[in-house]
C-alpha cells in the first residue's frame, strides 16, 4: 500500500465508483503488521463522517461519550471538532467509507451535529437483519481477502444503502461549498452565498445541517487540516508557502492549529502520527483530485513503494 518518505504507512484509497460519487467522498483500506503488544498512541481529525469496519487490532478512543474500546466491529465515526485521541494495539486492518457532506441526511442517518466527536455502533444507525448487521458485514468483507476486494464490497453495500434510502442526493450548494473549502478556506461566506444565489442565513443552516458545524468552523478546520498534511509529508510541496499565508502570522497559525490538534505544529511534526497520517493522506488525495490538480490514475509524489 506504500508509505511516506518518513516511513509511515499509507492506505489503499481512491475515489468511489461513479454511481456513488454523489454520496461517497473516498473509500480506503488499511493493513499494517505489528507485534502483538505494539501500541500506537495517536489521534484523528476528520472533516467527514466515516463508516469503518475494523477487522484486526484492539482499538481505543476518547470520544464525546467517554472512553471506548473496539474490535471486530462496524462503526460510524462522526466528524471531529478537535483531535480525537485514538490507540490501537497489535496489527490492524480496516476498510472505510468517507461520506460527503449532506450524505448522512440523504441516507436517512442521524443529525450530523449529534454525531460530532462520537463513535457509534453501525447497528444503531444502519444495521438491518436483511441489509446487514455489524457481524454480517465482517463476514461479507472476508478479512483474509485482498484489500481491493474490500473496497468493492464496501461500494456494493453502499449502493444498497442508497437504494434503501430512496436515492436522494445531497444539496448541490453543499457540494459547491465542500469544493470551495478545498480551494480557498479563507473565502468570504457572504460572497459565496451571493455567487450561488442563496440567502446567507439559509446557507449557514444548510452547512450546519450537512457538516455538523458552522461555515466558519468548517473553513477553520480545512485550513488546519491542510497545514497538518503538509507537516506529515502528504501534501503538494509547491503550495506549502500558500498554506502558511492563509494565516495572519505565525502566532495565529500556531494558535489555530493547536485548537484542533492539541499541540503546536512543531510538536505535531516531531511526534509519530501513523493513524493521523493515514487519514490526512486520503483527504489530501481527494482534495487534489476534486480541484483537478492530480490525475487519479497517477501516483502521488509523497508515496513510496
C-alpha atoms as a PDB file:
ATOM      1  CA  UNK A   1       0.000   0.000   0.000  1.00  0.00           C
ATOM      2  CA  UNK A   2       3.034   2.242   0.286  1.00  0.00           C
ATOM      3  CA  UNK A   3       4.422   4.636   2.887  1.00  0.00           C
ATOM      4  CA  UNK A   4       5.609   8.204   3.291  1.00  0.00           C
ATOM      5  CA  UNK A   5       9.213   9.350   2.938  1.00  0.00           C
ATOM      6  CA  UNK A   6       9.391   9.191   6.745  1.00  0.00           C
ATOM      7  CA  UNK A   7       8.265   5.552   6.709  1.00  0.00           C
ATOM      8  CA  UNK A   8       4.700   5.964   7.964  1.00  0.00           C
ATOM      9  CA  UNK A   9       2.220   3.531   6.370  1.00  0.00           C
ATOM     10  CA  UNK A  10      -0.383   4.679   3.858  1.00  0.00           C
ATOM     11  CA  UNK A  11      -3.724   3.207   2.855  1.00  0.00           C
ATOM     12  CA  UNK A  12      -5.079   1.962  -0.433  1.00  0.00           C
ATOM     13  CA  UNK A  13      -7.530   4.779  -1.114  1.00  0.00           C
ATOM     14  CA  UNK A  14      -9.383   6.047  -4.157  1.00  0.00           C
ATOM     15  CA  UNK A  15     -12.496   7.832  -5.338  1.00  0.00           C
ATOM     16  CA  UNK A  16     -15.641   5.671  -5.256  1.00  0.00           C
ATOM     17  CA  UNK A  17     -17.285   4.197  -8.336  1.00  0.00           C
ATOM     18  CA  UNK A  18     -19.180   6.774 -10.393  1.00  0.00           C
ATOM     19  CA  UNK A  19     -22.578   5.552  -9.169  1.00  0.00           C
ATOM     20  CA  UNK A  20     -21.679   6.502  -5.592  1.00  0.00           C
ATOM     21  CA  UNK A  21     -19.966   9.835  -6.293  1.00  0.00           C
ATOM     22  CA  UNK A  22     -22.881  11.999  -5.025  1.00  0.00           C
ATOM     23  CA  UNK A  23     -22.669  10.401  -1.560  1.00  0.00           C
ATOM     24  CA  UNK A  24     -19.171   8.987  -1.067  1.00  0.00           C
ATOM     25  CA  UNK A  25     -16.004  11.061  -0.785  1.00  0.00           C
ATOM     26  CA  UNK A  26     -13.408   8.275  -0.552  1.00  0.00           C
ATOM     27  CA  UNK A  27     -13.044   4.550   0.004  1.00  0.00           C
ATOM     28  CA  UNK A  28      -9.912   3.161   1.603  1.00  0.00           C
ATOM     29  CA  UNK A  29      -8.377   0.029   3.051  1.00  0.00           C
ATOM     30  CA  UNK A  30      -5.577  -0.137   5.590  1.00  0.00           C
ATOM     31  CA  UNK A  31      -3.474  -3.122   6.631  1.00  0.00           C
ATOM     32  CA  UNK A  32      -0.497  -2.780   8.979  1.00  0.00           C
ATOM     33  CA  UNK A  33       1.530  -5.569  10.573  1.00  0.00           C
ATOM     34  CA  UNK A  34       2.920  -5.115  14.083  1.00  0.00           C
ATOM     35  CA  UNK A  35       3.977  -7.104  17.135  1.00  0.00           C
ATOM     36  CA  UNK A  36       1.022  -8.237  19.305  1.00  0.00           C
ATOM     37  CA  UNK A  37       1.990  -5.894  22.151  1.00  0.00           C
ATOM     38  CA  UNK A  38       2.898  -2.919  19.954  1.00  0.00           C
ATOM     39  CA  UNK A  39       0.782   0.090  20.981  1.00  0.00           C
ATOM     40  CA  UNK A  40       0.170   3.112  18.763  1.00  0.00           C
ATOM     41  CA  UNK A  41      -0.972   6.228  20.607  1.00  0.00           C
ATOM     42  CA  UNK A  42      -2.196   8.733  18.083  1.00  0.00           C
ATOM     43  CA  UNK A  43      -5.328  10.641  17.133  1.00  0.00           C
ATOM     44  CA  UNK A  44      -7.703  11.574  14.321  1.00  0.00           C
ATOM     45  CA  UNK A  45      -9.171  14.791  12.948  1.00  0.00           C
ATOM     46  CA  UNK A  46     -11.666  14.089  10.158  1.00  0.00           C
ATOM     47  CA  UNK A  47     -13.879  16.532   8.272  1.00  0.00           C
ATOM     48  CA  UNK A  48     -16.325  13.879   7.058  1.00  0.00           C
ATOM     49  CA  UNK A  49     -18.432  11.129   8.652  1.00  0.00           C
ATOM     50  CA  UNK A  50     -16.751   7.767   8.110  1.00  0.00           C
ATOM     51  CA  UNK A  51     -18.127   4.231   8.143  1.00  0.00           C
ATOM     52  CA  UNK A  52     -15.299   1.961   9.321  1.00  0.00           C
ATOM     53  CA  UNK A  53     -15.116  -1.802   9.615  1.00  0.00           C
ATOM     54  CA  UNK A  54     -12.359  -2.949  11.984  1.00  0.00           C
ATOM     55  CA  UNK A  55     -11.019  -6.386  11.064  1.00  0.00           C
ATOM     56  CA  UNK A  56      -7.952  -6.528  13.270  1.00  0.00           C
ATOM     57  CA  UNK A  57      -6.424  -4.647  16.168  1.00  0.00           C
ATOM     58  CA  UNK A  58      -7.560  -3.646  19.636  1.00  0.00           C
ATOM     59  CA  UNK A  59      -8.788  -0.067  19.331  1.00  0.00           C
ATOM     60  CA  UNK A  60      -9.479   2.589  21.918  1.00  0.00           C
ATOM     61  CA  UNK A  61     -10.690   6.188  21.628  1.00  0.00           C
ATOM     62  CA  UNK A  62     -11.620   9.162  23.792  1.00  0.00           C
ATOM     63  CA  UNK A  63     -14.965  10.232  22.367  1.00  0.00           C
ATOM     64  CA  UNK A  64     -17.645  12.738  23.352  1.00  0.00           C
ATOM     65  CA  UNK A  65     -19.335   9.841  25.166  1.00  0.00           C
ATOM     66  CA  UNK A  66     -16.200   8.856  27.083  1.00  0.00           C
ATOM     67  CA  UNK A  67     -13.581   6.170  26.573  1.00  0.00           C
ATOM     68  CA  UNK A  68     -14.491   3.398  24.143  1.00  0.00           C
ATOM     69  CA  UNK A  69     -12.881   0.081  23.216  1.00  0.00           C
ATOM     70  CA  UNK A  70     -13.497  -1.541  19.828  1.00  0.00           C
ATOM     71  CA  UNK A  71     -12.505  -4.634  17.867  1.00  0.00           C
ATOM     72  CA  UNK A  72     -14.048  -6.676  15.048  1.00  0.00           C
ATOM     73  CA  UNK A  73     -16.890  -4.218  14.540  1.00  0.00           C
ATOM     74  CA  UNK A  74     -18.546  -1.899  12.046  1.00  0.00           C
ATOM     75  CA  UNK A  75     -18.635   1.678  13.349  1.00  0.00           C
ATOM     76  CA  UNK A  76     -19.811   5.148  12.398  1.00  0.00           C
ATOM     77  CA  UNK A  77     -17.242   7.877  13.157  1.00  0.00           C
ATOM     78  CA  UNK A  78     -18.729  11.348  13.256  1.00  0.00           C
ATOM     79  CA  UNK A  79     -16.712  14.364  12.025  1.00  0.00           C
ATOM     80  CA  UNK A  80     -14.328  15.940  14.518  1.00  0.00           C
ATOM     81  CA  UNK A  81     -14.293  19.373  16.095  1.00  0.00           C
ATOM     82  CA  UNK A  82     -10.827  18.651  17.507  1.00  0.00           C
ATOM     83  CA  UNK A  83      -8.305  15.820  17.728  1.00  0.00           C
ATOM     84  CA  UNK A  84      -9.800  12.560  18.993  1.00  0.00           C
ATOM     85  CA  UNK A  85      -7.151  10.528  20.881  1.00  0.00           C
ATOM     86  CA  UNK A  86      -7.023   7.012  19.423  1.00  0.00           C
ATOM     87  CA  UNK A  87      -4.937   3.948  20.245  1.00  0.00           C
ATOM     88  CA  UNK A  88      -4.505   0.605  18.513  1.00  0.00           C
ATOM     89  CA  UNK A  89      -2.669  -2.445  19.798  1.00  0.00           C
ATOM     90  CA  UNK A  90      -1.089  -5.054  17.534  1.00  0.00           C
ATOM     91  CA  UNK A  91      -1.557  -5.486  13.797  1.00  0.00           C
ATOM     92  CA  UNK A  92      -4.599  -3.722  12.391  1.00  0.00           C
ATOM     93  CA  UNK A  93      -6.739  -3.767   9.286  1.00  0.00           C
ATOM     94  CA  UNK A  94      -9.722  -1.625   8.383  1.00  0.00           C
ATOM     95  CA  UNK A  95     -11.896  -0.628   5.467  1.00  0.00           C
ATOM     96  CA  UNK A  96     -13.532   2.772   5.438  1.00  0.00           C
ATOM     97  CA  UNK A  97     -16.068   4.818   3.506  1.00  0.00           C
ATOM     98  CA  UNK A  98     -15.855   8.585   3.927  1.00  0.00           C
ATOM     99  CA  UNK A  99     -19.241  10.168   3.276  1.00  0.00           C
ATOM    100  CA  UNK A 100     -19.651  13.552   1.625  1.00  0.00           C
ATOM    101  CA  UNK A 101     -21.268  16.447   3.495  1.00  0.00           C
ATOM    102  CA  UNK A 102     -25.033  16.076   3.245  1.00  0.00           C
ATOM    103  CA  UNK A 103     -24.846  12.337   2.549  1.00  0.00           C
ATOM    104  CA  UNK A 104     -25.826  11.241   6.055  1.00  0.00           C
ATOM    105  CA  UNK A 105     -29.084  13.186   5.860  1.00  0.00           C
ATOM    106  CA  UNK A 106     -29.765  11.936   2.342  1.00  0.00           C
ATOM    107  CA  UNK A 107     -29.183   8.366   3.536  1.00  0.00           C
ATOM    108  CA  UNK A 108     -31.577   8.868   6.463  1.00  0.00           C
ATOM    109  CA  UNK A 109     -28.901   8.758   9.097  1.00  0.00           C
ATOM    110  CA  UNK A 110     -28.765  10.704  12.377  1.00  0.00           C
ATOM    111  CA  UNK A 111     -28.411  14.507  12.515  1.00  0.00           C
ATOM    112  CA  UNK A 112     -24.730  15.167  11.844  1.00  0.00           C
ATOM    113  CA  UNK A 113     -24.347  17.665  14.742  1.00  0.00           C
ATOM    114  CA  UNK A 114     -25.367  14.825  17.078  1.00  0.00           C
ATOM    115  CA  UNK A 115     -22.506  12.646  15.783  1.00  0.00           C
ATOM    116  CA  UNK A 116     -19.627  15.107  16.231  1.00  0.00           C
ATOM    117  CA  UNK A 117     -16.643  13.565  18.052  1.00  0.00           C
ATOM    118  CA  UNK A 118     -18.541  10.310  18.562  1.00  0.00           C
ATOM    119  CA  UNK A 119     -18.122   6.655  17.531  1.00  0.00           C
ATOM    120  CA  UNK A 120     -21.450   4.868  17.122  1.00  0.00           C
ATOM    121  CA  UNK A 121     -22.034   1.161  16.563  1.00  0.00           C
ATOM    122  CA  UNK A 122     -23.143   0.600  12.969  1.00  0.00           C
ATOM    123  CA  UNK A 123     -26.165  -1.435  14.110  1.00  0.00           C
ATOM    124  CA  UNK A 124     -27.527   1.621  15.937  1.00  0.00           C
ATOM    125  CA  UNK A 125     -27.665   3.610  12.683  1.00  0.00           C
ATOM    126  CA  UNK A 126     -27.920   1.444   9.579  1.00  0.00           C
ATOM    127  CA  UNK A 127     -27.946  -2.128  10.887  1.00  0.00           C
ATOM    128  CA  UNK A 128     -30.715  -4.260   9.443  1.00  0.00           C
ATOM    129  CA  UNK A 129     -31.287  -8.014   9.503  1.00  0.00           C
ATOM    130  CA  UNK A 130     -31.986  -8.053   5.776  1.00  0.00           C
ATOM    131  CA  UNK A 131     -29.428  -5.470   4.671  1.00  0.00           C
ATOM    132  CA  UNK A 132     -26.706  -6.278   7.171  1.00  0.00           C
ATOM    133  CA  UNK A 133     -25.643  -6.116  10.810  1.00  0.00           C
ATOM    134  CA  UNK A 134     -22.161  -5.372  12.102  1.00  0.00           C
ATOM    135  CA  UNK A 135     -21.438  -9.097  12.469  1.00  0.00           C
ATOM    136  CA  UNK A 136     -22.676  -9.859   8.946  1.00  0.00           C
ATOM    137  CA  UNK A 137     -20.531  -7.115   7.460  1.00  0.00           C
ATOM    138  CA  UNK A 138     -17.396  -8.676   8.925  1.00  0.00           C
ATOM    139  CA  UNK A 139     -18.261 -11.954   7.185  1.00  0.00           C
ATOM    140  CA  UNK A 140     -19.097 -10.341   3.838  1.00  0.00           C
ATOM    141  CA  UNK A 141     -15.815  -8.441   3.704  1.00  0.00           C
ATOM    142  CA  UNK A 142     -13.670 -11.565   4.250  1.00  0.00           C
ATOM    143  CA  UNK A 143     -10.762 -10.085   6.248  1.00  0.00           C
ATOM    144  CA  UNK A 144      -8.418 -12.653   4.699  1.00  0.00           C
ATOM    145  CA  UNK A 145      -9.171 -11.364   1.202  1.00  0.00           C
ATOM    146  CA  UNK A 146      -7.287  -8.701  -0.797  1.00  0.00           C
ATOM    147  CA  UNK A 147      -7.849  -5.034   0.180  1.00  0.00           C
ATOM    148  CA  UNK A 148      -9.133  -4.049  -3.276  1.00  0.00           C
ATOM    149  CA  UNK A 149     -11.910  -6.583  -2.827  1.00  0.00           C
ATOM    150  CA  UNK A 150     -12.811  -4.908   0.473  1.00  0.00           C
ATOM    151  CA  UNK A 151     -13.284  -1.640  -1.384  1.00  0.00           C
ATOM    152  CA  UNK A 152     -15.539  -3.233  -3.967  1.00  0.00           C
ATOM    153  CA  UNK A 153     -17.653  -4.939  -1.284  1.00  0.00           C
ATOM    154  CA  UNK A 154     -17.956  -1.590   0.508  1.00  0.00           C
ATOM    155  CA  UNK A 155     -19.180   0.028  -2.705  1.00  0.00           C
ATOM    156  CA  UNK A 156     -21.775  -2.694  -3.282  1.00  0.00           C
ATOM    157  CA  UNK A 157     -23.080  -2.312   0.255  1.00  0.00           C
ATOM    158  CA  UNK A 158     -23.273   1.473  -0.053  1.00  0.00           C
ATOM    159  CA  UNK A 159     -25.173   1.149  -3.316  1.00  0.00           C
ATOM    160  CA  UNK A 160     -27.699  -0.992  -1.468  1.00  0.00           C
ATOM    161  CA  UNK A 161     -27.935   1.620   1.291  1.00  0.00           C
ATOM    162  CA  UNK A 162     -28.535   4.376  -1.274  1.00  0.00           C
ATOM    163  CA  UNK A 163     -31.326   2.362  -2.870  1.00  0.00           C
ATOM    164  CA  UNK A 164     -32.854   1.575   0.518  1.00  0.00           C
ATOM    165  CA  UNK A 165     -32.795   5.290   1.427  1.00  0.00           C
ATOM    166  CA  UNK A 166     -34.552   6.287  -1.784  1.00  0.00           C
ATOM    167  CA  UNK A 167     -31.624   7.668  -3.762  1.00  0.00           C
ATOM    168  CA  UNK A 168     -31.931  11.295  -2.604  1.00  0.00           C
ATOM    169  CA  UNK A 169     -28.738  13.286  -3.249  1.00  0.00           C
ATOM    170  CA  UNK A 170     -27.094  15.953  -1.100  1.00  0.00           C
ATOM    171  CA  UNK A 171     -27.916  19.573  -1.942  1.00  0.00           C
ATOM    172  CA  UNK A 172     -25.683  20.898  -4.790  1.00  0.00           C
ATOM    173  CA  UNK A 173     -24.934  24.005  -2.697  1.00  0.00           C
ATOM    174  CA  UNK A 174     -23.349  21.762  -0.058  1.00  0.00           C
ATOM    175  CA  UNK A 175     -21.164  20.076  -2.694  1.00  0.00           C
ATOM    176  CA  UNK A 176     -20.130  23.503  -4.009  1.00  0.00           C
ATOM    177  CA  UNK A 177     -19.176  24.690  -0.517  1.00  0.00           C
ATOM    178  CA  UNK A 178     -17.197  21.488   0.079  1.00  0.00           C
ATOM    179  CA  UNK A 179     -15.173  22.132  -3.076  1.00  0.00           C
ATOM    180  CA  UNK A 180     -14.757  25.816  -2.257  1.00  0.00           C
ATOM    181  CA  UNK A 181     -13.366  24.933   1.189  1.00  0.00           C
ATOM    182  CA  UNK A 182     -10.736  22.786  -0.516  1.00  0.00           C
ATOM    183  CA  UNK A 183      -9.814  25.580  -2.928  1.00  0.00           C
ATOM    184  CA  UNK A 184      -9.793  28.542  -0.560  1.00  0.00           C
ATOM    185  CA  UNK A 185     -10.716  28.124   3.113  1.00  0.00           C
ATOM    186  CA  UNK A 186     -10.289  31.884   3.524  1.00  0.00           C
ATOM    187  CA  UNK A 187     -13.277  32.519   1.282  1.00  0.00           C
ATOM    188  CA  UNK A 188     -15.936  35.076   2.190  1.00  0.00           C
ATOM    189  CA  UNK A 189     -19.121  33.298   3.258  1.00  0.00           C
ATOM    190  CA  UNK A 190     -21.160  36.292   2.148  1.00  0.00           C
ATOM    191  CA  UNK A 191     -19.546  36.295  -1.302  1.00  0.00           C
ATOM    192  CA  UNK A 192     -20.110  32.549  -1.666  1.00  0.00           C
ATOM    193  CA  UNK A 193     -23.797  32.965  -0.790  1.00  0.00           C
ATOM    194  CA  UNK A 194     -24.194  35.802  -3.291  1.00  0.00           C
ATOM    195  CA  UNK A 195     -22.399  33.919  -6.079  1.00  0.00           C
ATOM    196  CA  UNK A 196     -24.691  30.918  -5.599  1.00  0.00           C
ATOM    197  CA  UNK A 197     -27.904  32.872  -5.208  1.00  0.00           C
ATOM    198  CA  UNK A 198     -28.695  31.734  -1.679  1.00  0.00           C
ATOM    199  CA  UNK A 199     -29.571  33.738   1.407  1.00  0.00           C
ATOM    200  CA  UNK A 200     -26.645  33.753   3.837  1.00  0.00           C
ATOM    201  CA  UNK A 201     -28.699  32.558   6.801  1.00  0.00           C
ATOM    202  CA  UNK A 202     -30.149  29.717   4.767  1.00  0.00           C
ATOM    203  CA  UNK A 203     -26.630  28.780   3.672  1.00  0.00           C
ATOM    204  CA  UNK A 204     -25.440  28.749   7.277  1.00  0.00           C
ATOM    205  CA  UNK A 205     -28.327  26.488   8.320  1.00  0.00           C
ATOM    206  CA  UNK A 206     -27.657  24.156   5.389  1.00  0.00           C
ATOM    207  CA  UNK A 207     -23.937  23.917   6.159  1.00  0.00           C
ATOM    208  CA  UNK A 208     -24.589  23.312   9.866  1.00  0.00           C
ATOM    209  CA  UNK A 209     -27.010  20.508   9.000  1.00  0.00           C
ATOM    210  CA  UNK A 210     -24.644  18.901   6.459  1.00  0.00           C
ATOM    211  CA  UNK A 211     -21.226  19.393   8.099  1.00  0.00           C
ATOM    212  CA  UNK A 212     -22.362  19.496  11.719  1.00  0.00           C
ATOM    213  CA  UNK A 213     -20.649  22.867  12.210  1.00  0.00           C
ATOM    214  CA  UNK A 214     -20.984  26.460  11.071  1.00  0.00           C
ATOM    215  CA  UNK A 215     -19.356  27.575   7.789  1.00  0.00           C
ATOM    216  CA  UNK A 216     -16.701  29.473   9.735  1.00  0.00           C
ATOM    217  CA  UNK A 217     -15.806  26.393  11.780  1.00  0.00           C
ATOM    218  CA  UNK A 218     -15.676  24.227   8.641  1.00  0.00           C
ATOM    219  CA  UNK A 219     -13.244  26.644   6.985  1.00  0.00           C
ATOM    220  CA  UNK A 220     -11.035  26.908  10.085  1.00  0.00           C
ATOM    221  CA  UNK A 221     -10.756  23.119  10.219  1.00  0.00           C
ATOM    222  CA  UNK A 222      -9.954  22.936   6.497  1.00  0.00           C
ATOM    223  CA  UNK A 223      -7.043  25.356   6.927  1.00  0.00           C
ATOM    224  CA  UNK A 224      -5.672  23.364   9.856  1.00  0.00           C
ATOM    225  CA  UNK A 225      -6.011  20.020   8.048  1.00  0.00           C
ATOM    226  CA  UNK A 226      -4.098  21.321   5.034  1.00  0.00           C
ATOM    227  CA  UNK A 227      -1.262  22.522   7.263  1.00  0.00           C
ATOM    228  CA  UNK A 228      -1.247  19.173   9.085  1.00  0.00           C
ATOM    229  CA  UNK A 229      -0.990  17.235   5.802  1.00  0.00           C
ATOM    230  CA  UNK A 230       1.966  19.367   4.764  1.00  0.00           C
ATOM    231  CA  UNK A 231       3.710  18.764   8.092  1.00  0.00           C
ATOM    232  CA  UNK A 232       3.257  14.988   7.738  1.00  0.00           C
ATOM    233  CA  UNK A 233       4.654  14.997   4.188  1.00  0.00           C
ATOM    234  CA  UNK A 234       1.409  14.033   2.444  1.00  0.00           C
ATOM    235  CA  UNK A 235       0.703  17.238   0.542  1.00  0.00           C
ATOM    236  CA  UNK A 236       1.860  19.115  -2.534  1.00  0.00           C
ATOM    237  CA  UNK A 237       5.135  20.785  -1.514  1.00  0.00           C
ATOM    238  CA  UNK A 238       4.585  23.510  -4.103  1.00  0.00           C
ATOM    239  CA  UNK A 239       1.736  25.020  -2.081  1.00  0.00           C
ATOM    240  CA  UNK A 240       3.476  24.976   1.325  1.00  0.00           C
ATOM    241  CA  UNK A 241       4.041  28.748   1.315  1.00  0.00           C
ATOM    242  CA  UNK A 242       0.479  29.418   0.166  1.00  0.00           C
ATOM    243  CA  UNK A 243      -0.914  27.320   3.031  1.00  0.00           C
ATOM    244  CA  UNK A 244       1.077  29.296   5.601  1.00  0.00           C
ATOM    245  CA  UNK A 245      -0.090  32.607   4.118  1.00  0.00           C
ATOM    246  CA  UNK A 246      -3.696  31.698   4.893  1.00  0.00           C
ATOM    247  CA  UNK A 247      -2.966  32.888   8.434  1.00  0.00           C
ATOM    248  CA  UNK A 248      -2.284  36.458   9.569  1.00  0.00           C
ATOM    249  CA  UNK A 249       1.055  35.498  11.084  1.00  0.00           C
ATOM    250  CA  UNK A 250       2.880  32.566  12.700  1.00  0.00           C
ATOM    251  CA  UNK A 251       1.294  33.067  16.116  1.00  0.00           C
ATOM    252  CA  UNK A 252      -2.157  32.968  14.506  1.00  0.00           C
ATOM    253  CA  UNK A 253      -1.294  29.711  12.760  1.00  0.00           C
ATOM    254  CA  UNK A 254       0.076  28.145  15.956  1.00  0.00           C
ATOM    255  CA  UNK A 255      -2.988  29.191  17.923  1.00  0.00           C
ATOM    256  CA  UNK A 256      -5.441  27.863  15.330  1.00  0.00           C
ATOM    257  CA  UNK A 257      -3.506  24.633  14.753  1.00  0.00           C
ATOM    258  CA  UNK A 258      -3.252  23.936  18.480  1.00  0.00           C
ATOM    259  CA  UNK A 259      -7.007  24.426  18.881  1.00  0.00           C
ATOM    260  CA  UNK A 260      -7.659  21.469  16.562  1.00  0.00           C
ATOM    261  CA  UNK A 261      -4.689  19.196  17.235  1.00  0.00           C
ATOM    262  CA  UNK A 262      -3.893  19.866  20.888  1.00  0.00           C
ATOM    263  CA  UNK A 263      -0.235  20.581  20.122  1.00  0.00           C
ATOM    264  CA  UNK A 264       1.861  23.110  18.227  1.00  0.00           C
ATOM    265  CA  UNK A 265       2.883  22.493  14.593  1.00  0.00           C
ATOM    266  CA  UNK A 266       6.443  21.805  15.766  1.00  0.00           C
ATOM    267  CA  UNK A 267       5.249  19.178  18.255  1.00  0.00           C
ATOM    268  CA  UNK A 268       2.985  17.670  15.604  1.00  0.00           C
ATOM    269  CA  UNK A 269       5.929  17.391  13.204  1.00  0.00           C
ATOM    270  CA  UNK A 270       8.245  15.718  15.714  1.00  0.00           C
ATOM    271  CA  UNK A 271       5.745  13.244  17.162  1.00  0.00           C
ATOM    272  CA  UNK A 272       4.953   9.989  15.282  1.00  0.00           C
ATOM    273  CA  UNK A 273       1.423  10.242  13.841  1.00  0.00           C
ATOM    274  CA  UNK A 274       0.739   6.999  11.907  1.00  0.00           C
ATOM    275  CA  UNK A 275      -3.070   6.987  12.216  1.00  0.00           C
ATOM    276  CA  UNK A 276      -3.350  10.721  11.638  1.00  0.00           C
ATOM    277  CA  UNK A 277      -1.110  10.490   8.578  1.00  0.00           C
ATOM    278  CA  UNK A 278      -3.268   7.740   7.072  1.00  0.00           C
ATOM    279  CA  UNK A 279      -6.369   9.920   7.356  1.00  0.00           C
ATOM    280  CA  UNK A 280      -4.678  13.141   6.218  1.00  0.00           C
ATOM    281  CA  UNK A 281      -3.233  11.468   3.132  1.00  0.00           C
ATOM    282  CA  UNK A 282      -6.599  10.121   1.976  1.00  0.00           C
ATOM    283  CA  UNK A 283      -8.184  13.557   2.446  1.00  0.00           C
ATOM    284  CA  UNK A 284      -5.358  15.330   0.637  1.00  0.00           C
ATOM    285  CA  UNK A 285      -5.527  12.890  -2.287  1.00  0.00           C
ATOM    286  CA  UNK A 286      -9.235  13.611  -2.607  1.00  0.00           C
ATOM    287  CA  UNK A 287      -8.649  17.352  -2.326  1.00  0.00           C
ATOM    288  CA  UNK A 288      -6.180  17.422  -5.213  1.00  0.00           C
ATOM    289  CA  UNK A 289      -8.465  15.262  -7.358  1.00  0.00           C
ATOM    290  CA  UNK A 290     -11.530  17.440  -6.614  1.00  0.00           C
ATOM    291  CA  UNK A 291      -9.551  20.556  -7.571  1.00  0.00           C
ATOM    292  CA  UNK A 292      -8.361  18.907 -10.799  1.00  0.00           C
ATOM    293  CA  UNK A 293      -4.731  19.127  -9.756  1.00  0.00           C
ATOM    294  CA  UNK A 294      -3.911  15.428  -9.932  1.00  0.00           C
ATOM    295  CA  UNK A 295      -4.706  12.548 -12.268  1.00  0.00           C
ATOM    296  CA  UNK A 296      -6.254   9.756 -10.136  1.00  0.00           C
ATOM    297  CA  UNK A 297      -4.509   7.132 -12.284  1.00  0.00           C
ATOM    298  CA  UNK A 298      -1.066   8.539 -11.424  1.00  0.00           C
ATOM    299  CA  UNK A 299       0.888   8.005  -8.211  1.00  0.00           C
ATOM    300  CA  UNK A 300       1.101  10.799  -5.669  1.00  0.00           C
ATOM    301  CA  UNK A 301       4.553  12.406  -5.225  1.00  0.00           C
ATOM    302  CA  UNK A 302       4.633  11.733  -1.482  1.00  0.00           C
ATOM    303  CA  UNK A 303       4.110   7.971  -1.858  1.00  0.00           C
ATOM    304  CA  UNK A 304       6.973   5.465  -1.645  1.00  0.00           C
ATOM    305  CA  UNK A 305       6.656   1.815  -2.650  1.00  0.00           C
END
